Amino acid sequence: MKAKFEATYAGNPKPEFTWQFNGKDVQTSDNIKIKVRDHQVSLTIFETSQDMTGYYTCIAKNDLGTDTTRAGLTVNSKY
């Protein structure tokens, strides 16, 4: 199954974004895409597995400060 996390933002200067999974940086791959558009940032996982269960944090940072938002994902077994 697919999972998608989205966050909206405002900031001047425009913030840089980092996504973390259980405190470790998430990198874009064939299975994970990170997009930043207008005033929205998203992380999409195309095929989830049980080892992806945990907390995903979006960190927005610019010269004026840092803000975060966090969401949990639970992936259950098919059976």
PDB file of N, CA and C in Angstrom:
ATOM      1  N   MET A   1       0.829  -1.175   0.000  1.00  0.00           N
ATOM      2  CA  MET A   1       0.000   0.000   0.000  1.00  0.00           C
ATOM      3  C   MET A   1       0.879   1.247   0.000  1.00  0.00           C
ATOM      4  N   LYS A   2       0.305   2.319  -0.487  1.00  0.00           N
ATOM      5  CA  LYS A   2       0.988   3.600  -0.553  1.00  0.00           C
ATOM      6  C   LYS A   2       0.670   4.426   0.698  1.00  0.00           C
ATOM      7  N   ALA A   3       1.650   5.198   1.157  1.00  0.00           N
ATOM      8  CA  ALA A   3       1.453   6.138   2.264  1.00  0.00           C
ATOM      9  C   ALA A   3       1.955   7.503   1.811  1.00  0.00           C
ATOM     10  N   LYS A   4       1.223   8.551   2.191  1.00  0.00           N
ATOM     11  CA  LYS A   4       1.626   9.903   1.812  1.00  0.00           C
ATOM     12  C   LYS A   4       1.462  10.839   3.003  1.00  0.00           C
ATOM     13  N   PHE A   5       2.511  11.615   3.251  1.00  0.00           N
ATOM     14  CA  PHE A   5       2.495  12.634   4.295  1.00  0.00           C
ATOM     15  C   PHE A   5       2.610  13.988   3.616  1.00  0.00           C
ATOM     16  N   GLU A   6       1.795  14.946   4.050  1.00  0.00           N
ATOM     17  CA  GLU A   6       1.816  16.289   3.474  1.00  0.00           C
ATOM     18  C   GLU A   6       1.834  17.330   4.586  1.00  0.00           C
ATOM     19  N   ALA A   7       2.512  18.437   4.315  1.00  0.00           N
ATOM     20  CA  ALA A   7       2.533  19.569   5.234  1.00  0.00           C
ATOM     21  C   ALA A   7       2.497  20.853   4.415  1.00  0.00           C
ATOM     22  N   THR A   8       1.799  21.847   4.921  1.00  0.00           N
ATOM     23  CA  THR A   8       1.794  23.163   4.284  1.00  0.00           C
ATOM     24  C   THR A   8       2.734  24.080   5.055  1.00  0.00           C
ATOM     25  N   TYR A   9       3.236  25.093   4.364  1.00  0.00           N
ATOM     26  CA  TYR A   9       4.190  25.990   5.005  1.00  0.00           C
ATOM     27  C   TYR A   9       4.083  27.395   4.426  1.00  0.00           C
ATOM     28  N   ALA A  10       4.624  28.333   5.169  1.00  0.00           N
ATOM     29  CA  ALA A  10       4.826  29.711   4.721  1.00  0.00           C
ATOM     30  C   ALA A  10       6.158  30.143   5.312  1.00  0.00           C
ATOM     31  N   GLY A  11       6.911  30.894   4.567  1.00  0.00           N
ATOM     32  CA  GLY A  11       8.189  31.358   5.096  1.00  0.00           C
ATOM     33  C   GLY A  11       8.915  32.220   4.096  1.00  0.00           C
ATOM     34  N   ASN A  12       9.573  33.251   4.616  1.00  0.00           N
ATOM     35  CA  ASN A  12      10.375  34.129   3.797  1.00  0.00           C
ATOM     36  C   ASN A  12      11.625  34.454   4.603  1.00  0.00           C
ATOM     37  N   PRO A  13      12.764  33.927   4.212  1.00  0.00           N
ATOM     38  CA  PRO A  13      13.026  33.184   2.987  1.00  0.00           C
ATOM     39  C   PRO A  13      12.416  31.782   3.026  1.00  0.00           C
ATOM     40  N   LYS A  14      12.225  31.218   1.829  1.00  0.00           N
ATOM     41  CA  LYS A  14      11.635  29.888   1.697  1.00  0.00           C
ATOM     42  C   LYS A  14      12.489  28.879   2.461  1.00  0.00           C
ATOM     43  N   PRO A  15      11.847  28.046   3.263  1.00  0.00           N
ATOM     44  CA  PRO A  15      12.621  27.076   4.054  1.00  0.00           C
ATOM     45  C   PRO A  15      13.165  25.919   3.222  1.00  0.00           C
ATOM     46  N   GLU A  16      14.192  25.304   3.768  1.00  0.00           N
ATOM     47  CA  GLU A  16      14.717  24.028   3.263  1.00  0.00           C
ATOM     48  C   GLU A  16      14.043  22.938   4.087  1.00  0.00           C
ATOM     49  N   PHE A  17      13.802  21.774   3.467  1.00  0.00           N
ATOM     50  CA  PHE A  17      13.075  20.714   4.144  1.00  0.00           C
ATOM     51  C   PHE A  17      13.909  19.462   4.266  1.00  0.00           C
ATOM     52  N   THR A  18      13.764  18.799   5.413  1.00  0.00           N
ATOM     53  CA  THR A  18      14.362  17.503   5.669  1.00  0.00           C
ATOM     54  C   THR A  18      13.260  16.603   6.223  1.00  0.00           C
ATOM     55  N   TRP A  19      13.191  15.378   5.729  1.00  0.00           N
ATOM     56  CA  TRP A  19      12.283  14.376   6.291  1.00  0.00           C
ATOM     57  C   TRP A  19      13.117  13.365   7.051  1.00  0.00           C
ATOM     58  N   GLN A  20      12.598  12.943   8.213  1.00  0.00           N
ATOM     59  CA  GLN A  20      13.280  11.926   9.001  1.00  0.00           C
ATOM     60  C   GLN A  20      12.318  10.798   9.338  1.00  0.00           C
ATOM     61  N   PHE A  21      12.863   9.599   9.466  1.00  0.00           N
ATOM     62  CA  PHE A  21      12.127   8.423   9.916  1.00  0.00           C
ATOM     63  C   PHE A  21      12.799   7.942  11.185  1.00  0.00           C
ATOM     64  N   ASN A  22      12.068   7.990  12.295  1.00  0.00           N
ATOM     65  CA  ASN A  22      12.609   7.601  13.601  1.00  0.00           C
ATOM     66  C   ASN A  22      13.951   8.276  13.882  1.00  0.00           C
ATOM     67  N   GLY A  23      14.054   9.567  13.502  1.00  0.00           N
ATOM     68  CA  GLY A  23      15.242  10.363  13.808  1.00  0.00           C
ATOM     69  C   GLY A  23      16.367  10.298  12.789  1.00  0.00           C
ATOM     70  N   LYS A  24      16.194   9.510  11.719  1.00  0.00           N
ATOM     71  CA  LYS A  24      17.239   9.404  10.697  1.00  0.00           C
ATOM     72  C   LYS A  24      16.733   9.979   9.385  1.00  0.00           C
ATOM     73  N   ASP A  25      17.614  10.706   8.678  1.00  0.00           N
ATOM     74  CA  ASP A  25      17.218  11.355   7.430  1.00  0.00           C
ATOM     75  C   ASP A  25      16.699  10.346   6.404  1.00  0.00           C
ATOM     76  N   VAL A  26      15.635  10.744   5.699  1.00  0.00           N
ATOM     77  CA  VAL A  26      15.054   9.938   4.625  1.00  0.00           C
ATOM     78  C   VAL A  26      15.595  10.468   3.302  1.00  0.00           C
ATOM     79  N   GLN A  27      16.036   9.568   2.453  1.00  0.00           N
ATOM     80  CA  GLN A  27      16.553   9.942   1.136  1.00  0.00           C
ATOM     81  C   GLN A  27      15.549   9.526   0.065  1.00  0.00           C
ATOM     82  N   THR A  28      15.489  10.291  -1.010  1.00  0.00           N
ATOM     83  CA  THR A  28      14.656   9.937  -2.148  1.00  0.00           C
ATOM     84  C   THR A  28      15.207   8.663  -2.796  1.00  0.00           C
ATOM     85  N   SER A  29      14.289   7.789  -3.221  1.00  0.00           N
ATOM     86  CA  SER A  29      14.677   6.541  -3.885  1.00  0.00           C
ATOM     87  C   SER A  29      13.577   6.176  -4.875  1.00  0.00           C
ATOM     88  N   ASP A  30      13.676   5.001  -5.468  1.00  0.00           N
ATOM     89  CA  ASP A  30      12.611   4.548  -6.367  1.00  0.00           C
ATOM     90  C   ASP A  30      11.296   4.385  -5.617  1.00  0.00           C
ATOM     91  N   ASN A  31      11.366   4.060  -4.327  1.00  0.00           N
ATOM     92  CA  ASN A  31      10.169   3.814  -3.526  1.00  0.00           C
ATOM     93  C   ASN A  31       9.700   5.034  -2.733  1.00  0.00           C
ATOM     94  N   ILE A  32      10.561   6.031  -2.563  1.00  0.00           N
ATOM     95  CA  ILE A  32      10.237   7.207  -1.746  1.00  0.00           C
ATOM     96  C   ILE A  32      10.488   8.474  -2.553  1.00  0.00           C
ATOM     97  N   LYS A  33       9.475   9.317  -2.641  1.00  0.00           N
ATOM     98  CA  LYS A  33       9.596  10.587  -3.352  1.00  0.00           C
ATOM     99  C   LYS A  33       9.264  11.736  -2.403  1.00  0.00           C
ATOM    100  N   ILE A  34      10.075  12.782  -2.477  1.00  0.00           N
ATOM    101  CA  ILE A  34       9.864  14.004  -1.699  1.00  0.00           C
ATOM    102  C   ILE A  34       9.637  15.125  -2.695  1.00  0.00           C
ATOM    103  N   LYS A  35       8.543  15.877  -2.495  1.00  0.00           N
ATOM    104  CA  LYS A  35       8.218  16.981  -3.398  1.00  0.00           C
ATOM    105  C   LYS A  35       7.976  18.249  -2.583  1.00  0.00           C
ATOM    106  N   VAL A  36       8.419  19.378  -3.146  1.00  0.00           N
ATOM    107  CA  VAL A  36       8.136  20.696  -2.579  1.00  0.00           C
ATOM    108  C   VAL A  36       7.499  21.517  -3.689  1.00  0.00           C
ATOM    109  N   ARG A  37       6.259  21.959  -3.454  1.00  0.00           N
ATOM    110  CA  ARG A  37       5.531  22.761  -4.437  1.00  0.00           C
ATOM    111  C   ARG A  37       4.854  23.924  -3.731  1.00  0.00           C
ATOM    112  N   ASP A  38       4.885  25.067  -4.360  1.00  0.00           N
ATOM    113  CA  ASP A  38       4.218  26.268  -3.830  1.00  0.00           C
ATOM    114  C   ASP A  38       4.362  26.330  -2.315  1.00  0.00           C
ATOM    115  N   HIS A  39       3.308  26.011  -1.581  1.00  0.00           N
ATOM    116  CA  HIS A  39       3.342  26.072  -0.119  1.00  0.00           C
ATOM    117  C   HIS A  39       3.037  24.720   0.497  1.00  0.00           C
ATOM    118  N   GLN A  40       3.470  23.651  -0.184  1.00  0.00           N
ATOM    119  CA  GLN A  40       3.211  22.298   0.306  1.00  0.00           C
ATOM    120  C   GLN A  40       4.425  21.412   0.066  1.00  0.00           C
ATOM    121  N   VAL A  41       4.718  20.573   1.047  1.00  0.00           N
ATOM    122  CA  VAL A  41       5.798  19.597   0.940  1.00  0.00           C
ATOM    123  C   VAL A  41       5.192  18.224   1.222  1.00  0.00           C
ATOM    124  N   SER A  42       5.673  17.202   0.515  1.00  0.00           N
ATOM    125  CA  SER A  42       5.111  15.873   0.726  1.00  0.00           C
ATOM    126  C   SER A  42       6.198  14.806   0.653  1.00  0.00           C
ATOM    127  N   LEU A  43       5.919  13.698   1.331  1.00  0.00           N
ATOM    128  CA  LEU A  43       6.741  12.507   1.270  1.00  0.00           C
ATOM    129  C   LEU A  43       5.798  11.361   0.924  1.00  0.00           C
ATOM    130  N   THR A  44       6.082  10.651  -0.164  1.00  0.00           N
ATOM    131  CA  THR A  44       5.245   9.537  -0.599  1.00  0.00           C
ATOM    132  C   THR A  44       6.068   8.261  -0.585  1.00  0.00           C
ATOM    133  N   ILE A  45       5.515   7.234   0.049  1.00  0.00           N
ATOM    134  CA  ILE A  45       6.102   5.900   0.041  1.00  0.00           C
ATOM    135  C   ILE A  45       5.176   5.052  -0.822  1.00  0.00           C
ATOM    136  N   PHE A  46       5.683   4.523  -1.911  1.00  0.00           N
ATOM    137  CA  PHE A  46       4.834   3.815  -2.864  1.00  0.00           C
ATOM    138  C   PHE A  46       4.513   2.387  -2.442  1.00  0.00           C
ATOM    139  N   GLU A  47       5.436   1.700  -1.817  1.00  0.00           N
ATOM    140  CA  GLU A  47       5.199   0.342  -1.311  1.00  0.00           C
ATOM    141  C   GLU A  47       5.667   0.291   0.136  1.00  0.00           C
ATOM    142  N   THR A  48       4.714   0.190   1.056  1.00  0.00           N
ATOM    143  CA  THR A  48       5.073   0.150   2.476  1.00  0.00           C
ATOM    144  C   THR A  48       5.321  -1.288   2.921  1.00  0.00           C
ATOM    145  N   SER A  49       6.089  -1.417   3.984  1.00  0.00           N
ATOM    146  CA  SER A  49       6.334  -2.704   4.619  1.00  0.00           C
ATOM    147  C   SER A  49       6.360  -2.481   6.127  1.00  0.00           C
ATOM    148  N   GLN A  50       6.273  -3.559   6.891  1.00  0.00           N
ATOM    149  CA  GLN A  50       6.185  -3.429   8.340  1.00  0.00           C
ATOM    150  C   GLN A  50       7.384  -2.715   8.956  1.00  0.00           C
ATOM    151  N   ASP A  51       8.559  -2.809   8.337  1.00  0.00           N
ATOM    152  CA  ASP A  51       9.731  -2.132   8.889  1.00  0.00           C
ATOM    153  C   ASP A  51       9.676  -0.615   8.694  1.00  0.00           C
ATOM    154  N   MET A  52       8.647  -0.127   8.004  1.00  0.00           N
ATOM    155  CA  MET A  52       8.449   1.313   7.834  1.00  0.00           C
ATOM    156  C   MET A  52       7.517   1.894   8.901  1.00  0.00           C
ATOM    157  N   THR A  53       7.072   1.053   9.831  1.00  0.00           N
ATOM    158  CA  THR A  53       6.254   1.508  10.943  1.00  0.00           C
ATOM    159  C   THR A  53       7.109   2.393  11.844  1.00  0.00           C
ATOM    160  N   GLY A  54       6.591   3.575  12.173  1.00  0.00           N
ATOM    161  CA  GLY A  54       7.319   4.495  13.043  1.00  0.00           C
ATOM    162  C   GLY A  54       6.867   5.916  12.819  1.00  0.00           C
ATOM    163  N   TYR A  55       7.712   6.866  13.210  1.00  0.00           N
ATOM    164  CA  TYR A  55       7.384   8.286  13.126  1.00  0.00           C
ATOM    165  C   TYR A  55       8.158   8.968  12.011  1.00  0.00           C
ATOM    166  N   TYR A  56       7.432   9.738  11.218  1.00  0.00           N
ATOM    167  CA  TYR A  56       8.002  10.529  10.127  1.00  0.00           C
ATOM    168  C   TYR A  56       7.900  11.999  10.517  1.00  0.00           C
ATOM    169  N   THR A  57       9.020  12.695  10.449  1.00  0.00           N
ATOM    170  CA  THR A  57       9.094  14.098  10.857  1.00  0.00           C
ATOM    171  C   THR A  57       9.533  14.948   9.677  1.00  0.00           C
ATOM    172  N   CYS A  58       8.812  16.046   9.460  1.00  0.00           N
ATOM    173  CA  CYS A  58       9.194  17.030   8.453  1.00  0.00           C
ATOM    174  C   CYS A  58       9.796  18.217   9.189  1.00  0.00           C
ATOM    175  N   ILE A  59      11.006  18.592   8.801  1.00  0.00           N
ATOM    176  CA  ILE A  59      11.714  19.708   9.432  1.00  0.00           C
ATOM    177  C   ILE A  59      11.874  20.809   8.400  1.00  0.00           C
ATOM    178  N   ALA A  60      11.342  21.991   8.716  1.00  0.00           N
ATOM    179  CA  ALA A  60      11.476  23.173   7.857  1.00  0.00           C
ATOM    180  C   ALA A  60      12.455  24.126   8.536  1.00  0.00           C
ATOM    181  N   LYS A  61      13.442  24.608   7.785  1.00  0.00           N
ATOM    182  CA  LYS A  61      14.466  25.457   8.379  1.00  0.00           C
ATOM    183  C   LYS A  61      14.837  26.576   7.422  1.00  0.00           C
ATOM    184  N   ASN A  62      14.895  27.803   7.951  1.00  0.00           N
ATOM    185  CA  ASN A  62      15.450  28.931   7.204  1.00  0.00           C
ATOM    186  C   ASN A  62      16.267  29.784   8.173  1.00  0.00           C
ATOM    187  N   ASP A  63      16.737  30.935   7.720  1.00  0.00           N
ATOM    188  CA  ASP A  63      17.595  31.784   8.554  1.00  0.00           C
ATOM    189  C   ASP A  63      16.903  32.276   9.818  1.00  0.00           C
ATOM    190  N   LEU A  64      15.577  32.271   9.830  1.00  0.00           N
ATOM    191  CA  LEU A  64      14.837  32.792  10.974  1.00  0.00           C
ATOM    192  C   LEU A  64      14.461  31.732  11.997  1.00  0.00           C
ATOM    193  N   GLY A  65      14.631  30.456  11.657  1.00  0.00           N
ATOM    194  CA  GLY A  65      14.312  29.422  12.628  1.00  0.00           C
ATOM    195  C   GLY A  65      13.965  28.081  12.010  1.00  0.00           C
ATOM    196  N   THR A  66      13.460  27.213  12.866  1.00  0.00           N
ATOM    197  CA  THR A  66      13.135  25.842  12.496  1.00  0.00           C
ATOM    198  C   THR A  66      11.770  25.481  13.042  1.00  0.00           C
ATOM    199  N   ASP A  67      11.010  24.690  12.281  1.00  0.00           N
ATOM    200  CA  ASP A  67       9.735  24.174  12.747  1.00  0.00           C
ATOM    201  C   ASP A  67       9.623  22.726  12.308  1.00  0.00           C
ATOM    202  N   THR A  68       8.893  21.920  13.061  1.00  0.00           N
ATOM    203  CA  THR A  68       8.736  20.512  12.729  1.00  0.00           C
ATOM    204  C   THR A  68       7.283  20.082  12.864  1.00  0.00           C
ATOM    205  N   THR A  69       6.946  19.032  12.147  1.00  0.00           N
ATOM    206  CA  THR A  69       5.671  18.349  12.325  1.00  0.00           C
ATOM    207  C   THR A  69       5.948  16.862  12.217  1.00  0.00           C
ATOM    208  N   ARG A  70       5.169  16.061  12.941  1.00  0.00           N
ATOM    209  CA  ARG A  70       5.451  14.632  13.007  1.00  0.00           C
ATOM    210  C   ARG A  70       4.157  13.838  12.889  1.00  0.00           C
ATOM    211  N   ALA A  71       4.237  12.698  12.206  1.00  0.00           N
ATOM    212  CA  ALA A  71       3.095  11.801  12.071  1.00  0.00           C
ATOM    213  C   ALA A  71       3.584  10.364  12.187  1.00  0.00           C
ATOM    214  N   GLY A  72       2.713   9.518  12.665  1.00  0.00           N
ATOM    215  CA  GLY A  72       3.052   8.109  12.805  1.00  0.00           C
ATOM    216  C   GLY A  72       2.459   7.277  11.684  1.00  0.00           C
ATOM    217  N   LEU A  73       3.157   6.203  11.343  1.00  0.00           N
ATOM    218  CA  LEU A  73       2.680   5.249  10.350  1.00  0.00           C
ATOM    219  C   LEU A  73       2.744   3.865  10.970  1.00  0.00           C
ATOM    220  N   THR A  74       1.637   3.136  10.854  1.00  0.00           N
ATOM    221  CA  THR A  74       1.587   1.746  11.291  1.00  0.00           C
ATOM    222  C   THR A  74       1.261   0.886  10.089  1.00  0.00           C
ATOM    223  N   VAL A  75       2.142  -0.052   9.783  1.00  0.00           N
ATOM    224  CA  VAL A  75       1.925  -0.980   8.671  1.00  0.00           C
ATOM    225  C   VAL A  75       1.675  -2.355   9.278  1.00  0.00           C
ATOM    226  N   ASN A  76       0.470  -2.881   9.060  1.00  0.00           N
ATOM    227  CA  ASN A  76       0.106  -4.183   9.589  1.00  0.00           C
ATOM    228  C   ASN A  76       0.387  -5.282   8.571  1.00  0.00           C
ATOM    229  N   SER A  77       0.502  -6.468   9.070  1.00  0.00           N
ATOM    230  CA  SER A  77       0.673  -7.633   8.211  1.00  0.00           C
ATOM    231  C   SER A  77      -0.569  -7.849   7.362  1.00  0.00           C
ATOM    232  N   LYS A  78      -0.405  -8.447   6.186  1.00  0.00           N
ATOM    233  CA  LYS A  78      -1.536  -8.721   5.307  1.00  0.00           C
ATOM    234  C   LYS A  78      -2.486  -9.740   5.911  1.00  0.00           C
ATOM    235  N   TYR A  79      -1.998 -10.543   6.839  1.00  0.00           N
ATOM    236  CA  TYR A  79      -2.797 -11.643   7.387  1.00  0.00           C
ATOM    237  C   TYR A  79      -3.247 -11.362   8.785  1.00  0.00           C
TER     238      TYR A  79
END
